[in-house]
PDB file of N, CA and C in Angstrom:
ATOM      1  N   MET A   1      67.605  54.692 115.943  1.00  0.00           N
ATOM      2  CA  MET A   1      67.416  55.633 117.039  1.00  0.00           C
ATOM      3  C   MET A   1      66.288  56.589 116.678  1.00  0.00           C
ATOM      4  N   THR A   2      65.373  56.796 117.583  1.00  0.00           N
ATOM      5  CA  THR A   2      64.237  57.676 117.379  1.00  0.00           C
ATOM      6  C   THR A   2      64.288  58.804 118.394  1.00  0.00           C
ATOM      7  N   THR A   3      64.087  60.038 117.910  1.00  0.00           N
ATOM      8  CA  THR A   3      64.065  61.201 118.777  1.00  0.00           C
ATOM      9  C   THR A   3      62.713  61.867 118.644  1.00  0.00           C
ATOM     10  N   THR A   4      62.091  62.170 119.758  1.00  0.00           N
ATOM     11  CA  THR A   4      60.798  62.851 119.740  1.00  0.00           C
ATOM     12  C   THR A   4      60.999  64.286 120.189  1.00  0.00           C
ATOM     13  N   VAL A   5      60.453  65.211 119.396  1.00  0.00           N
ATOM     14  CA  VAL A   5      60.540  66.629 119.717  1.00  0.00           C
ATOM     15  C   VAL A   5      59.132  67.121 119.991  1.00  0.00           C
ATOM     16  N   GLU A   6      58.929  67.772 121.141  1.00  0.00           N
ATOM     17  CA  GLU A   6      57.606  68.285 121.487  1.00  0.00           C
ATOM     18  C   GLU A   6      57.642  69.806 121.555  1.00  0.00           C
ATOM     19  N   PHE A   7      56.635  70.438 120.984  1.00  0.00           N
ATOM     20  CA  PHE A   7      56.491  71.878 121.022  1.00  0.00           C
ATOM     21  C   PHE A   7      55.254  72.190 121.856  1.00  0.00           C
ATOM     22  N   SER A   8      55.457  72.676 123.072  1.00  0.00           N
ATOM     23  CA  SER A   8      54.318  72.937 123.955  1.00  0.00           C
ATOM     24  C   SER A   8      53.799  74.368 123.820  1.00  0.00           C
ATOM     25  N   THR A   9      54.586  75.253 123.204  1.00  0.00           N
ATOM     26  CA  THR A   9      54.161  76.627 123.041  1.00  0.00           C
ATOM     27  C   THR A   9      54.112  76.959 121.556  1.00  0.00           C
ATOM     28  N   PRO A  10      52.923  76.972 120.966  1.00  0.00           N
ATOM     29  CA  PRO A  10      52.842  77.299 119.549  1.00  0.00           C
ATOM     30  C   PRO A  10      53.149  78.772 119.319  1.00  0.00           C
ATOM     31  N   ARG A  11      53.543  79.112 118.115  1.00  0.00           N
ATOM     32  CA  ARG A  11      53.803  80.510 117.771  1.00  0.00           C
ATOM     33  C   ARG A  11      52.501  81.306 117.840  1.00  0.00           C
ATOM     34  N   ARG A  12      52.623  82.577 118.163  1.00  0.00           N
ATOM     35  CA  ARG A  12      51.444  83.438 118.276  1.00  0.00           C
ATOM     36  C   ARG A  12      50.824  83.743 116.926  1.00  0.00           C
ATOM     37  N   SER A  13      51.646  83.749 115.878  1.00  0.00           N
ATOM     38  CA  SER A  13      51.131  83.990 114.527  1.00  0.00           C
ATOM     39  C   SER A  13      52.060  83.301 113.527  1.00  0.00           C
ATOM     40  N   ALA A  14      51.550  83.122 112.319  1.00  0.00           N
ATOM     41  CA  ALA A  14      52.337  82.486 111.271  1.00  0.00           C
ATOM     42  C   ALA A  14      53.508  83.386 110.881  1.00  0.00           C
ATOM     43  N   ARG A  15      54.565  82.767 110.383  1.00  0.00           N
ATOM     44  CA  ARG A  15      55.695  83.515 109.844  1.00  0.00           C
ATOM     45  C   ARG A  15      55.653  83.394 108.326  1.00  0.00           C
ATOM     46  N   ILE A  16      56.022  84.471 107.652  1.00  0.00           N
ATOM     47  CA  ILE A  16      56.061  84.479 106.189  1.00  0.00           C
ATOM     48  C   ILE A  16      57.454  84.911 105.757  1.00  0.00           C
ATOM     49  N   PHE A  17      58.099  84.113 104.891  1.00  0.00           N
ATOM     50  CA  PHE A  17      59.394  84.488 104.346  1.00  0.00           C
ATOM     51  C   PHE A  17      59.137  85.521 103.258  1.00  0.00           C
ATOM     52  N   ARG A  18      59.523  86.788 103.535  1.00  0.00           N
ATOM     53  CA  ARG A  18      59.230  87.867 102.602  1.00  0.00           C
ATOM     54  C   ARG A  18      60.312  88.925 102.697  1.00  0.00           C
ATOM     55  N   LYS A  19      60.845  89.343 101.555  1.00  0.00           N
ATOM     56  CA  LYS A  19      61.799  90.443 101.517  1.00  0.00           C
ATOM     57  C   LYS A  19      61.043  91.729 101.245  1.00  0.00           C
ATOM     58  N   LEU A  20      61.072  92.608 102.244  1.00  0.00           N
ATOM     59  CA  LEU A  20      60.439  93.919 102.144  1.00  0.00           C
ATOM     60  C   LEU A  20      61.466  94.968 102.547  1.00  0.00           C
ATOM     61  N   LYS A  21      61.539  96.058 101.811  1.00  0.00           N
ATOM     62  CA  LYS A  21      62.440  97.152 102.188  1.00  0.00           C
ATOM     63  C   LYS A  21      61.780  97.965 103.298  1.00  0.00           C
ATOM     64  N   VAL A  22      62.534  98.256 104.354  1.00  0.00           N
ATOM     65  CA  VAL A  22      62.059  99.080 105.460  1.00  0.00           C
ATOM     66  C   VAL A  22      63.174 100.024 105.894  1.00  0.00           C
ATOM     67  N   LYS A  23      62.782 101.087 106.583  1.00  0.00           N
ATOM     68  CA  LYS A  23      63.756 102.000 107.179  1.00  0.00           C
ATOM     69  C   LYS A  23      63.781 101.733 108.667  1.00  0.00           C
ATOM     70  N   VAL A  24      64.974 101.679 109.223  1.00  0.00           N
ATOM     71  CA  VAL A  24      65.148 101.385 110.647  1.00  0.00           C
ATOM     72  C   VAL A  24      65.998 102.477 111.264  1.00  0.00           C
ATOM     73  N   HIS A  25      65.630 102.907 112.461  1.00  0.00           N
ATOM     74  CA  HIS A  25      66.546 103.765 113.203  1.00  0.00           C
ATOM     75  C   HIS A  25      66.519 103.384 114.672  1.00  0.00           C
ATOM     76  N   GLY A  26      67.674 103.609 115.284  1.00  0.00           N
ATOM     77  CA  GLY A  26      67.858 103.249 116.675  1.00  0.00           C
ATOM     78  C   GLY A  26      69.262 103.619 117.115  1.00  0.00           C
ATOM     79  N   ARG A  27      69.764 102.915 118.106  1.00  0.00           N
ATOM     80  CA  ARG A  27      71.137 103.118 118.583  1.00  0.00           C
ATOM     81  C   ARG A  27      71.937 101.861 118.309  1.00  0.00           C
ATOM     82  N   GLY A  28      73.131 102.068 117.784  1.00  0.00           N
ATOM     83  CA  GLY A  28      74.019 100.952 117.499  1.00  0.00           C
ATOM     84  C   GLY A  28      74.725 100.473 118.748  1.00  0.00           C
ATOM     85  N   GLN A  29      75.534  99.443 118.574  1.00  0.00           N
ATOM     86  CA  GLN A  29      76.285  98.866 119.687  1.00  0.00           C
ATOM     87  C   GLN A  29      77.201  99.901 120.327  1.00  0.00           C
ATOM     88  N   ASN A  30      77.668 100.861 119.524  1.00  0.00           N
ATOM     89  CA  ASN A  30      78.563 101.913 120.036  1.00  0.00           C
ATOM     90  C   ASN A  30      77.809 103.047 120.736  1.00  0.00           C
ATOM     91  N   GLY A  31      76.467 102.949 120.805  1.00  0.00           N
ATOM     92  CA  GLY A  31      75.666 103.960 121.481  1.00  0.00           C
ATOM     93  C   GLY A  31      75.254 105.131 120.601  1.00  0.00           C
ATOM     94  N   ARG A  32      75.748 105.168 119.361  1.00  0.00           N
ATOM     95  CA  ARG A  32      75.420 106.261 118.449  1.00  0.00           C
ATOM     96  C   ARG A  32      74.150 105.953 117.664  1.00  0.00           C
ATOM     97  N   LYS A  33      73.376 107.009 117.392  1.00  0.00           N
ATOM     98  CA  LYS A  33      72.156 106.851 116.607  1.00  0.00           C
ATOM     99  C   LYS A  33      72.511 106.470 115.169  1.00  0.00           C
ATOM    100  N   PHE A  34      71.625 105.673 114.553  1.00  0.00           N
ATOM    101  CA  PHE A  34      71.815 105.325 113.148  1.00  0.00           C
ATOM    102  C   PHE A  34      70.470 105.268 112.444  1.00  0.00           C
ATOM    103  N   ARG A  35      70.518 105.413 111.141  1.00  0.00           N
ATOM    104  CA  ARG A  35      69.371 105.216 110.245  1.00  0.00           C
ATOM    105  C   ARG A  35      69.865 104.338 109.116  1.00  0.00           C
ATOM    106  N   GLU A  36      69.014 103.400 108.713  1.00  0.00           N
ATOM    107  CA  GLU A  36      69.429 102.443 107.693  1.00  0.00           C
ATOM    108  C   GLU A  36      68.198 101.941 106.942  1.00  0.00           C
ATOM    109  N   THR A  37      68.360 101.748 105.633  1.00  0.00           N
ATOM    110  CA  THR A  37      67.347 101.054 104.853  1.00  0.00           C
ATOM    111  C   THR A  37      67.818  99.614 104.734  1.00  0.00           C
ATOM    112  N   CYS A  38      66.958  98.677 105.093  1.00  0.00           N
ATOM    113  CA  CYS A  38      67.337  97.265 105.076  1.00  0.00           C
ATOM    114  C   CYS A  38      66.181  96.429 104.546  1.00  0.00           C
ATOM    115  N   GLU A  39      66.366  95.117 104.537  1.00  0.00           N
ATOM    116  CA  GLU A  39      65.319  94.202 104.085  1.00  0.00           C
ATOM    117  C   GLU A  39      64.919  93.264 105.200  1.00  0.00           C
ATOM    118  N   THR A  40      63.643  92.888 105.170  1.00  0.00           N
ATOM    119  CA  THR A  40      63.179  91.832 106.056  1.00  0.00           C
ATOM    120  C   THR A  40      63.514  90.494 105.413  1.00  0.00           C
ATOM    121  N   LEU A  41      63.645  89.471 106.226  1.00  0.00           N
ATOM    122  CA  LEU A  41      63.813  88.101 105.740  1.00  0.00           C
ATOM    123  C   LEU A  41      62.555  87.298 106.041  1.00  0.00           C
ATOM    124  N   VAL A  42      62.014  87.521 107.242  1.00  0.00           N
ATOM    125  CA  VAL A  42      60.816  86.831 107.717  1.00  0.00           C
ATOM    126  C   VAL A  42      59.960  87.860 108.448  1.00  0.00           C
ATOM    127  N   VAL A  43      58.639  87.790 108.275  1.00  0.00           N
ATOM    128  CA  VAL A  43      57.744  88.708 108.985  1.00  0.00           C
ATOM    129  C   VAL A  43      56.612  87.929 109.638  1.00  0.00           C
ATOM    130  N   SER A  44      56.042  88.510 110.692  1.00  0.00           N
ATOM    131  CA  SER A  44      54.870  87.934 111.360  1.00  0.00           C
ATOM    132  C   SER A  44      54.042  89.080 111.919  1.00  0.00           C
ATOM    133  N   ALA A  45      52.902  88.755 112.476  1.00  0.00           N
ATOM    134  CA  ALA A  45      52.041  89.776 113.067  1.00  0.00           C
ATOM    135  C   ALA A  45      52.669  90.391 114.311  1.00  0.00           C
ATOM    136  N   HIS A  46      53.709  89.753 114.847  1.00  0.00           N
ATOM    137  CA  HIS A  46      54.324  90.217 116.095  1.00  0.00           C
ATOM    138  C   HIS A  46      55.747  90.733 115.932  1.00  0.00           C
ATOM    139  N   GLY A  47      56.273  90.743 114.693  1.00  0.00           N
ATOM    140  CA  GLY A  47      57.631  91.225 114.490  1.00  0.00           C
ATOM    141  C   GLY A  47      58.223  90.714 113.198  1.00  0.00           C
ATOM    142  N   GLY A  48      59.536  90.490 113.224  1.00  0.00           N
ATOM    143  CA  GLY A  48      60.187  90.017 112.018  1.00  0.00           C
ATOM    144  C   GLY A  48      61.666  89.788 112.215  1.00  0.00           C
ATOM    145  N   LEU A  49      62.296  89.359 111.133  1.00  0.00           N
ATOM    146  CA  LEU A  49      63.738  89.133 111.104  1.00  0.00           C
ATOM    147  C   LEU A  49      64.303  90.040 110.023  1.00  0.00           C
ATOM    148  N   LEU A  50      65.224  90.921 110.419  1.00  0.00           N
ATOM    149  CA  LEU A  50      65.814  91.907 109.522  1.00  0.00           C
ATOM    150  C   LEU A  50      67.273  91.579 109.268  1.00  0.00           C
ATOM    151  N   MET A  51      67.818  92.075 108.165  1.00  0.00           N
ATOM    152  CA  MET A  51      69.256  91.995 107.910  1.00  0.00           C
ATOM    153  C   MET A  51      69.792  93.422 108.018  1.00  0.00           C
ATOM    154  N   LEU A  52      70.475  93.705 109.139  1.00  0.00           N
ATOM    155  CA  LEU A  52      71.004  95.047 109.410  1.00  0.00           C
ATOM    156  C   LEU A  52      72.500  95.104 109.182  1.00  0.00           C
ATOM    157  N   LYS A  53      72.977  96.241 108.682  1.00  0.00           N
ATOM    158  CA  LYS A  53      74.419  96.486 108.542  1.00  0.00           C
ATOM    159  C   LYS A  53      75.011  96.959 109.868  1.00  0.00           C
ATOM    160  N   HIS A  54      74.245  97.735 110.636  1.00  0.00           N
ATOM    161  CA  HIS A  54      74.734  98.248 111.918  1.00  0.00           C
ATOM    162  C   HIS A  54      74.677  97.161 112.982  1.00  0.00           C
ATOM    163  N   GLU A  55      75.700  97.146 113.833  1.00  0.00           N
ATOM    164  CA  GLU A  55      75.689  96.225 114.966  1.00  0.00           C
ATOM    165  C   GLU A  55      74.828  96.845 116.071  1.00  0.00           C
ATOM    166  N   VAL A  56      73.948  96.019 116.647  1.00  0.00           N
ATOM    167  CA  VAL A  56      73.027  96.490 117.675  1.00  0.00           C
ATOM    168  C   VAL A  56      73.117  95.572 118.890  1.00  0.00           C
ATOM    169  N   VAL A  57      72.414  95.947 119.958  1.00  0.00           N
ATOM    170  CA  VAL A  57      72.466  95.217 121.222  1.00  0.00           C
ATOM    171  C   VAL A  57      71.107  94.572 121.490  1.00  0.00           C
ATOM    172  N   ASN A  58      71.122  93.321 121.909  1.00  0.00           N
ATOM    173  CA  ASN A  58      69.893  92.613 122.255  1.00  0.00           C
ATOM    174  C   ASN A  58      69.158  93.378 123.354  1.00  0.00           C
ATOM    175  N   GLY A  59      67.839  93.535 123.201  1.00  0.00           N
ATOM    176  CA  GLY A  59      67.034  94.236 124.184  1.00  0.00           C
ATOM    177  C   GLY A  59      66.816  95.704 123.873  1.00  0.00           C
ATOM    178  N   GLU A  60      67.612  96.277 122.969  1.00  0.00           N
ATOM    179  CA  GLU A  60      67.462  97.687 122.596  1.00  0.00           C
ATOM    180  C   GLU A  60      66.191  97.894 121.783  1.00  0.00           C
ATOM    181  N   LEU A  61      65.727  99.144 121.743  1.00  0.00           N
ATOM    182  CA  LEU A  61      64.546  99.492 120.960  1.00  0.00           C
ATOM    183  C   LEU A  61      64.962 100.013 119.591  1.00  0.00           C
ATOM    184  N   LEU A  62      64.159  99.667 118.586  1.00  0.00           N
ATOM    185  CA  LEU A  62      64.327 100.180 117.232  1.00  0.00           C
ATOM    186  C   LEU A  62      62.981 100.719 116.778  1.00  0.00           C
ATOM    187  N   GLU A  63      63.005 101.600 115.795  1.00  0.00           N
ATOM    188  CA  GLU A  63      61.773 102.045 115.159  1.00  0.00           C
ATOM    189  C   GLU A  63      61.871 101.690 113.680  1.00  0.00           C
ATOM    190  N   ILE A  64      60.837 101.000 113.190  1.00  0.00           N
ATOM    191  CA  ILE A  64      60.793 100.570 111.790  1.00  0.00           C
ATOM    192  C   ILE A  64      59.740 101.413 111.084  1.00  0.00           C
ATOM    193  N   THR A  65      60.079 101.876 109.875  1.00  0.00           N
ATOM    194  CA  THR A  65      59.146 102.638 109.053  1.00  0.00           C
ATOM    195  C   THR A  65      58.935 101.902 107.742  1.00  0.00           C
ATOM    196  N   SER A  66      57.676 101.732 107.382  1.00  0.00           N
ATOM    197  CA  SER A  66      57.333 101.142 106.091  1.00  0.00           C
ATOM    198  C   SER A  66      57.406 102.246 105.036  1.00  0.00           C
ATOM    199  N   PRO A  67      58.283 102.134 104.035  1.00  0.00           N
ATOM    200  CA  PRO A  67      58.378 103.177 103.013  1.00  0.00           C
ATOM    201  C   PRO A  67      57.092 103.328 102.196  1.00  0.00           C
ATOM    202  N   GLU A  68      56.316 102.258 102.082  1.00  0.00           N
ATOM    203  CA  GLU A  68      55.086 102.311 101.285  1.00  0.00           C
ATOM    204  C   GLU A  68      53.996 103.128 101.972  1.00  0.00           C
ATOM    205  N   THR A  69      53.833 102.953 103.296  1.00  0.00           N
ATOM    206  CA  THR A  69      52.739 103.611 104.009  1.00  0.00           C
ATOM    207  C   THR A  69      53.213 104.728 104.943  1.00  0.00           C
ATOM    208  N   GLN A  70      54.529 104.804 105.170  1.00  0.00           N
ATOM    209  CA  GLN A  70      55.126 105.733 106.135  1.00  0.00           C
ATOM    210  C   GLN A  70      54.686 105.438 107.567  1.00  0.00           C
ATOM    211  N   GLU A  71      54.069 104.270 107.790  1.00  0.00           N
ATOM    212  CA  GLU A  71      53.681 103.863 109.148  1.00  0.00           C
ATOM    213  C   GLU A  71      54.941 103.503 109.927  1.00  0.00           C
ATOM    214  N   GLU A  72      54.989 103.907 111.189  1.00  0.00           N
ATOM    215  CA  GLU A  72      56.122 103.623 112.061  1.00  0.00           C
ATOM    216  C   GLU A  72      55.670 102.728 113.203  1.00  0.00           C
ATOM    217  N   ILE A  73      56.600 101.868 113.649  1.00  0.00           N
ATOM    218  CA  ILE A  73      56.286 100.999 114.782  1.00  0.00           C
ATOM    219  C   ILE A  73      57.547 100.783 115.610  1.00  0.00           C
ATOM    220  N   GLU A  74      57.362 100.781 116.940  1.00  0.00           N
ATOM    221  CA  GLU A  74      58.478 100.516 117.847  1.00  0.00           C
ATOM    222  C   GLU A  74      58.592  99.022 118.087  1.00  0.00           C
ATOM    223  N   CYS A  75      59.825  98.557 118.194  1.00  0.00           N
ATOM    224  CA  CYS A  75      60.046  97.137 118.468  1.00  0.00           C
ATOM    225  C   CYS A  75      61.293  96.966 119.327  1.00  0.00           C
ATOM    226  N   ARG A  76      61.398  95.782 119.892  1.00  0.00           N
ATOM    227  CA  ARG A  76      62.539  95.428 120.749  1.00  0.00           C
ATOM    228  C   ARG A  76      63.337  94.331 120.057  1.00  0.00           C
ATOM    229  N   ILE A  77      64.654  94.429 120.133  1.00  0.00           N
ATOM    230  CA  ILE A  77      65.528  93.393 119.577  1.00  0.00           C
ATOM    231  C   ILE A  77      65.478  92.186 120.504  1.00  0.00           C
ATOM    232  N   VAL A  78      65.135  91.026 119.944  1.00  0.00           N
ATOM    233  CA  VAL A  78      65.007  89.812 120.759  1.00  0.00           C
ATOM    234  C   VAL A  78      65.939  88.692 120.280  1.00  0.00           C
ATOM    235  N   TYR A  79      66.638  88.918 119.161  1.00  0.00           N
ATOM    236  CA  TYR A  79      67.543  87.893 118.637  1.00  0.00           C
ATOM    237  C   TYR A  79      68.636  88.566 117.827  1.00  0.00           C
ATOM    238  N   LEU A  80      69.870  88.114 118.012  1.00  0.00           N
ATOM    239  CA  LEU A  80      70.999  88.575 117.210  1.00  0.00           C
ATOM    240  C   LEU A  80      71.687  87.371 116.594  1.00  0.00           C
ATOM    241  N   GLY A  81      71.740  87.339 115.270  1.00  0.00           N
ATOM    242  CA  GLY A  81      72.449  86.280 114.568  1.00  0.00           C
ATOM    243  C   GLY A  81      73.927  86.640 114.450  1.00  0.00           C
ATOM    244  N   ASP A  82      74.698  85.726 113.896  1.00  0.00           N
ATOM    245  CA  ASP A  82      76.128  85.970 113.691  1.00  0.00           C
ATOM    246  C   ASP A  82      76.339  87.047 112.628  1.00  0.00           C
ATOM    247  N   LEU A  83      77.423  87.800 112.761  1.00  0.00           N
ATOM    248  CA  LEU A  83      77.792  88.785 111.755  1.00  0.00           C
ATOM    249  C   LEU A  83      78.276  88.069 110.504  1.00  0.00           C
ATOM    250  N   CYS A  84      77.924  88.600 109.343  1.00  0.00           N
ATOM    251  CA  CYS A  84      78.407  88.042 108.079  1.00  0.00           C
ATOM    252  C   CYS A  84      78.637  89.207 107.116  1.00  0.00           C
ATOM    253  N   ALA A  85      79.044  88.912 105.897  1.00  0.00           N
ATOM    254  CA  ALA A  85      79.348  89.957 104.922  1.00  0.00           C
ATOM    255  C   ALA A  85      78.134  90.840 104.627  1.00  0.00           C
ATOM    256  N   GLN A  86      76.929  90.275 104.683  1.00  0.00           N
ATOM    257  CA  GLN A  86      75.715  91.036 104.391  1.00  0.00           C
ATOM    258  C   GLN A  86      75.231  91.850 105.597  1.00  0.00           C
ATOM    259  N   GLY A  87      75.746  91.586 106.771  1.00  0.00           N
ATOM    260  CA  GLY A  87      75.322  92.274 107.986  1.00  0.00           C
ATOM    261  C   GLY A  87      75.021  91.283 109.094  1.00  0.00           C
ATOM    262  N   GLN A  88      73.962  91.544 109.823  1.00  0.00           N
ATOM    263  CA  GLN A  88      73.580  90.695 110.946  1.00  0.00           C
ATOM    264  C   GLN A  88      72.078  90.476 110.929  1.00  0.00           C
ATOM    265  N   ARG A  89      71.662  89.228 111.106  1.00  0.00           N
ATOM    266  CA  ARG A  89      70.230  88.936 111.229  1.00  0.00           C
ATOM    267  C   ARG A  89      69.785  89.392 112.613  1.00  0.00           C
ATOM    268  N   VAL A  90      68.725  90.203 112.640  1.00  0.00           N
ATOM    269  CA  VAL A  90      68.234  90.783 113.887  1.00  0.00           C
ATOM    270  C   VAL A  90      66.743  90.486 113.999  1.00  0.00           C
ATOM    271  N   GLY A  91      66.370  89.732 115.035  1.00  0.00           N
ATOM    272  CA  GLY A  91      64.970  89.434 115.291  1.00  0.00           C
ATOM    273  C   GLY A  91      64.369  90.524 116.145  1.00  0.00           C
ATOM    274  N   VAL A  92      63.199  91.026 115.728  1.00  0.00           N
ATOM    275  CA  VAL A  92      62.529  92.085 116.479  1.00  0.00           C
ATOM    276  C   VAL A  92      61.104  91.675 116.817  1.00  0.00           C
ATOM    277  N   GLU A  93      60.633  92.175 117.947  1.00  0.00           N
ATOM    278  CA  GLU A  93      59.258  91.946 118.393  1.00  0.00           C
ATOM    279  C   GLU A  93      58.599  93.308 118.561  1.00  0.00           C
ATOM    280  N   PHE A  94      57.429  93.486 117.931  1.00  0.00           N
ATOM    281  CA  PHE A  94      56.688  94.738 118.091  1.00  0.00           C
ATOM    282  C   PHE A  94      56.308  94.907 119.562  1.00  0.00           C
ATOM    283  N   LEU A  95      56.335  96.143 120.053  1.00  0.00           N
ATOM    284  CA  LEU A  95      55.923  96.388 121.434  1.00  0.00           C
ATOM    285  C   LEU A  95      54.430  96.160 121.596  1.00  0.00           C
ATOM    286  N   THR A  96      53.662  96.384 120.531  1.00  0.00           N
ATOM    287  CA  THR A  96      52.241  96.044 120.501  1.00  0.00           C
ATOM    288  C   THR A  96      51.991  95.294 119.199  1.00  0.00           C
ATOM    289  N   PRO A  97      51.199  94.207 119.230  1.00  0.00           N
ATOM    290  CA  PRO A  97      50.942  93.448 118.005  1.00  0.00           C
ATOM    291  C   PRO A  97      50.393  94.351 116.897  1.00  0.00           C
ATOM    292  N   ALA A  98      50.872  94.144 115.677  1.00  0.00           N
ATOM    293  CA  ALA A  98      50.442  94.959 114.537  1.00  0.00           C
ATOM    294  C   ALA A  98      50.319  94.064 113.312  1.00  0.00           C
ATOM    295  N   PRO A  99      49.259  93.263 113.246  1.00  0.00           N
ATOM    296  CA  PRO A  99      49.139  92.289 112.161  1.00  0.00           C
ATOM    297  C   PRO A  99      49.053  92.897 110.766  1.00  0.00           C
ATOM    298  N   HIS A 100      48.750  94.191 110.660  1.00  0.00           N
ATOM    299  CA  HIS A 100      48.613  94.802 109.334  1.00  0.00           C
ATOM    300  C   HIS A 100      49.808  95.671 108.947  1.00  0.00           C
ATOM    301  N   PHE A 101      50.816  95.774 109.822  1.00  0.00           N
ATOM    302  CA  PHE A 101      51.965  96.639 109.547  1.00  0.00           C
ATOM    303  C   PHE A 101      52.667  96.255 108.249  1.00  0.00           C
ATOM    304  N   TRP A 102      52.850  94.966 108.005  1.00  0.00           N
ATOM    305  CA  TRP A 102      53.581  94.503 106.817  1.00  0.00           C
ATOM    306  C   TRP A 102      52.717  94.525 105.552  1.00  0.00           C
ATOM    307  N   GLY A 103      51.419  94.775 105.694  1.00  0.00           N
ATOM    308  CA  GLY A 103      50.537  94.766 104.530  1.00  0.00           C
ATOM    309  C   GLY A 103      50.217  93.369 104.041  1.00  0.00           C
ATOM    310  N   LEU A 104      50.304  92.380 104.940  1.00  0.00           N
ATOM    311  CA  LEU A 104      50.066  90.974 104.602  1.00  0.00           C
ATOM    312  C   LEU A 104      49.005  90.404 105.530  1.00  0.00           C
ATOM    313  N   GLU A 105      48.370  89.327 105.102  1.00  0.00           N
ATOM    314  CA  GLU A 105      47.412  88.616 105.946  1.00  0.00           C
ATOM    315  C   GLU A 105      48.115  87.411 106.563  1.00  0.00           C
ATOM    316  N   PHE A 106      47.952  87.231 107.854  1.00  0.00           N
ATOM    317  CA  PHE A 106      48.577  86.113 108.556  1.00  0.00           C
ATOM    318  C   PHE A 106      47.521  85.102 108.975  1.00  0.00           C
ATOM    319  N   ALA A 107      47.881  83.819 108.876  1.00  0.00           N
ATOM    320  CA  ALA A 107      46.971  82.745 109.277  1.00  0.00           C
ATOM    321  C   ALA A 107      46.718  82.826 110.773  1.00  0.00           C
ATOM    322  N   GLU A 108      45.557  82.355 111.181  1.00  0.00           N
ATOM    323  CA  GLU A 108      45.234  82.285 112.601  1.00  0.00           C
ATOM    324  C   GLU A 108      46.196  81.323 113.287  1.00  0.00           C
ATOM    325  N   PRO A 109      46.573  81.591 114.535  1.00  0.00           N
ATOM    326  CA  PRO A 109      47.448  80.662 115.249  1.00  0.00           C
ATOM    327  C   PRO A 109      46.777  79.306 115.427  1.00  0.00           C
ATOM    328  N   ALA A 110      47.599  78.279 115.493  1.00  0.00           N
ATOM    329  CA  ALA A 110      47.092  76.917 115.687  1.00  0.00           C
ATOM    330  C   ALA A 110      46.450  76.809 117.063  1.00  0.00           C
ATOM    331  N   PRO A 111      45.478  75.902 117.225  1.00  0.00           N
ATOM    332  CA  PRO A 111      44.879  75.701 118.551  1.00  0.00           C
ATOM    333  C   PRO A 111      45.951  75.316 119.564  1.00  0.00           C
ATOM    334  N   SER A 112      45.751  75.706 120.798  1.00  0.00           N
ATOM    335  CA  SER A 112      46.727  75.420 121.840  1.00  0.00           C
ATOM    336  C   SER A 112      46.699  73.939 122.193  1.00  0.00           C
ATOM    337  N   ARG A 113      47.748  73.254 121.777  1.00  0.00           N
ATOM    338  CA  ARG A 113      47.884  71.829 122.083  1.00  0.00           C
ATOM    339  C   ARG A 113      49.356  71.476 121.953  1.00  0.00           C
ATOM    340  N   ILE A 114      49.717  70.351 122.468  1.00  0.00           N
ATOM    341  CA  ILE A 114      51.103  69.903 122.350  1.00  0.00           C
ATOM    342  C   ILE A 114      51.249  69.183 121.026  1.00  0.00           C
ATOM    343  N   GLU A 115      52.197  69.681 120.215  1.00  0.00           N
ATOM    344  CA  GLU A 115      52.485  69.042 118.950  1.00  0.00           C
ATOM    345  C   GLU A 115      53.742  68.211 119.136  1.00  0.00           C
ATOM    346  N   SER A 116      53.761  67.060 118.548  1.00  0.00           N
ATOM    347  CA  SER A 116      54.989  66.267 118.623  1.00  0.00           C
ATOM    348  C   SER A 116      55.290  65.704 117.260  1.00  0.00           C
ATOM    349  N   SER A 117      56.558  65.543 116.997  1.00  0.00           N
ATOM    350  CA  SER A 117      56.994  64.922 115.749  1.00  0.00           C
ATOM    351  C   SER A 117      58.114  63.963 116.083  1.00  0.00           C
ATOM    352  N   THR A 118      58.222  62.951 115.291  1.00  0.00           N
ATOM    353  CA  THR A 118      59.238  61.931 115.537  1.00  0.00           C
ATOM    354  C   THR A 118      60.284  62.009 114.428  1.00  0.00           C
ATOM    355  N   LEU A 119      61.537  62.124 114.829  1.00  0.00           N
ATOM    356  CA  LEU A 119      62.659  62.146 113.901  1.00  0.00           C
ATOM    357  C   LEU A 119      63.363  60.818 113.951  1.00  0.00           C
ATOM    358  N   GLN A 120      63.723  60.281 112.818  1.00  0.00           N
ATOM    359  CA  GLN A 120      64.458  59.004 112.803  1.00  0.00           C
ATOM    360  C   GLN A 120      65.774  59.167 112.119  1.00  0.00           C
TER     361      GLN A 120
END
């Protein structure tokens, strides 16, 4: 049996698996303000994946601060993973692209074309 998977929308920027300490503040699921120091799991020029202890709501706004540069950026929660002992994986998207926020260089996006791969 052969399965073909097609990706018609390439990612806007490369993702890098990187653990970086950041400070996050926003409103939790209970509506109360919180501040937390957490780690990133994956970062990109358009956002990242964080491991948060506080439960949050998809679509809410968060503010992330880089402890190294004290730079702050607003982002929107776009993904919520399952709760686990370490917390919850939370995907965020910057409200405006910030390719230098993480202090890393990201590869240029792939040319716009349909990519396909065959799984057997």
